Amino acid sequence: MLLFSAVGTVLATITYNEGFEFGRIVGHCEVACSVLGADFSGFEYEGTCQCEQAGGFILTIPVDHSFFN
């Protein structure tokens, strides 16, 4: 039982950290898109955010996520 508790705790911590990083990146992209007057539509982990303008035009902008640290 102790082994299952330890493994569960480690896996929960890893999941929490991955989710926190995912949310941080989405927040950076939302801010970058709102500065351009567009709506956030997606992102890639490599550092690009996709923003959609009012006419349906999709912008792909590079974002250095380490800048926000």
C-alpha atoms as a PDB file:
ATOM      1  CA  MET A   1       0.000   0.000   0.000  1.00  0.00           C
ATOM      2  CA  LEU A   2       2.889   2.328   0.783  1.00  0.00           C
ATOM      3  CA  LEU A   3       4.362   1.699  -2.667  1.00  0.00           C
ATOM      4  CA  PHE A   4       1.064   2.586  -4.379  1.00  0.00           C
ATOM      5  CA  SER A   5       0.814   5.785  -2.351  1.00  0.00           C
ATOM      6  CA  ALA A   6       4.357   6.810  -3.282  1.00  0.00           C
ATOM      7  CA  VAL A   7       3.855   6.083  -6.986  1.00  0.00           C
ATOM      8  CA  GLY A   8       0.499   7.910  -6.973  1.00  0.00           C
ATOM      9  CA  THR A   9       2.031  10.940  -5.307  1.00  0.00           C
ATOM     10  CA  VAL A  10       4.894  11.096  -7.824  1.00  0.00           C
ATOM     11  CA  LEU A  11       2.522  10.760 -10.780  1.00  0.00           C
ATOM     12  CA  ALA A  12       0.168  13.409  -9.377  1.00  0.00           C
ATOM     13  CA  THR A  13       3.095  15.812  -8.939  1.00  0.00           C
ATOM     14  CA  ILE A  14       4.288  15.232 -12.511  1.00  0.00           C
ATOM     15  CA  THR A  15       0.763  15.788 -13.858  1.00  0.00           C
ATOM     16  CA  TYR A  16       0.385  18.980 -11.833  1.00  0.00           C
ATOM     17  CA  ASN A  17       3.707  20.381 -13.082  1.00  0.00           C
ATOM     18  CA  GLU A  18       2.871  19.589 -16.731  1.00  0.00           C
ATOM     19  CA  GLY A  19      -0.548  21.214 -16.373  1.00  0.00           C
ATOM     20  CA  PHE A  20       0.957  24.283 -14.750  1.00  0.00           C
ATOM     21  CA  GLU A  21       3.452  24.682 -17.612  1.00  0.00           C
ATOM     22  CA  PHE A  22       0.667  24.218 -20.183  1.00  0.00           C
ATOM     23  CA  GLY A  23      -1.435  26.922 -18.520  1.00  0.00           C
ATOM     24  CA  ARG A  24       1.517  29.295 -18.321  1.00  0.00           C
ATOM     25  CA  ILE A  25       2.194  28.979 -22.063  1.00  0.00           C
ATOM     26  CA  VAL A  26      -1.489  29.476 -22.930  1.00  0.00           C
ATOM     27  CA  GLY A  27      -1.536  32.618 -20.769  1.00  0.00           C
ATOM     28  CA  HIS A  28       1.487  34.039 -22.585  1.00  0.00           C
ATOM     29  CA  CYS A  29      -0.171  33.428 -25.941  1.00  0.00           C
ATOM     30  CA  GLU A  30      -3.442  35.006 -24.805  1.00  0.00           C
ATOM     31  CA  VAL A  31      -1.613  38.146 -23.707  1.00  0.00           C
ATOM     32  CA  ALA A  32       0.382  38.328 -26.955  1.00  0.00           C
ATOM     33  CA  CYS A  33      -2.783  37.928 -29.050  1.00  0.00           C
ATOM     34  CA  SER A  34      -4.729  40.524 -27.088  1.00  0.00           C
ATOM     35  CA  VAL A  35      -1.905  43.037 -27.591  1.00  0.00           C
ATOM     36  CA  LEU A  36      -2.341  42.545 -31.341  1.00  0.00           C
ATOM     37  CA  GLY A  37      -6.119  42.917 -31.063  1.00  0.00           C
ATOM     38  CA  ALA A  38      -6.766  39.302 -32.035  1.00  0.00           C
ATOM     39  CA  ASP A  39      -8.258  36.232 -30.370  1.00  0.00           C
ATOM     40  CA  PHE A  40      -6.110  33.348 -29.165  1.00  0.00           C
ATOM     41  CA  SER A  41      -6.750  30.214 -31.210  1.00  0.00           C
ATOM     42  CA  GLY A  42      -3.847  27.840 -30.499  1.00  0.00           C
ATOM     43  CA  PHE A  43      -0.181  27.336 -29.752  1.00  0.00           C
ATOM     44  CA  GLU A  44       2.724  25.003 -30.312  1.00  0.00           C
ATOM     45  CA  TYR A  45       5.232  24.065 -27.639  1.00  0.00           C
ATOM     46  CA  GLU A  46       8.080  25.193 -29.920  1.00  0.00           C
ATOM     47  CA  GLY A  47       7.203  28.788 -29.135  1.00  0.00           C
ATOM     48  CA  THR A  48       4.614  29.950 -31.638  1.00  0.00           C
ATOM     49  CA  CYS A  49       1.143  31.262 -30.888  1.00  0.00           C
ATOM     50  CA  GLN A  50      -1.760  31.400 -33.306  1.00  0.00           C
ATOM     51  CA  CYS A  51      -4.104  34.356 -33.184  1.00  0.00           C
ATOM     52  CA  GLU A  52      -7.245  34.907 -35.233  1.00  0.00           C
ATOM     53  CA  GLN A  53      -8.169  38.402 -36.331  1.00  0.00           C
ATOM     54  CA  ALA A  54     -11.727  39.597 -36.939  1.00  0.00           C
ATOM     55  CA  GLY A  55     -11.677  38.782 -40.663  1.00  0.00           C
ATOM     56  CA  GLY A  56     -10.634  35.182 -40.042  1.00  0.00           C
ATOM     57  CA  PHE A  57      -6.963  35.817 -40.831  1.00  0.00           C
ATOM     58  CA  ILE A  58      -4.676  33.600 -38.719  1.00  0.00           C
ATOM     59  CA  LEU A  59      -1.442  35.094 -37.416  1.00  0.00           C
ATOM     60  CA  THR A  60       1.368  32.848 -36.237  1.00  0.00           C
ATOM     61  CA  ILE A  61       3.712  34.770 -33.997  1.00  0.00           C
ATOM     62  CA  PRO A  62       6.885  33.553 -32.293  1.00  0.00           C
ATOM     63  CA  VAL A  63       6.957  33.976 -28.525  1.00  0.00           C
ATOM     64  CA  ASP A  64       9.958  33.402 -26.268  1.00  0.00           C
ATOM     65  CA  HIS A  65       8.244  31.968 -23.198  1.00  0.00           C
ATOM     66  CA  SER A  66      11.418  32.279 -21.109  1.00  0.00           C
ATOM     67  CA  PHE A  67      11.110  36.073 -21.480  1.00  0.00           C
ATOM     68  CA  PHE A  68       8.195  36.021 -19.041  1.00  0.00           C
ATOM     69  CA  ASN A  69      10.206  34.350 -16.249  1.00  0.00           C
END
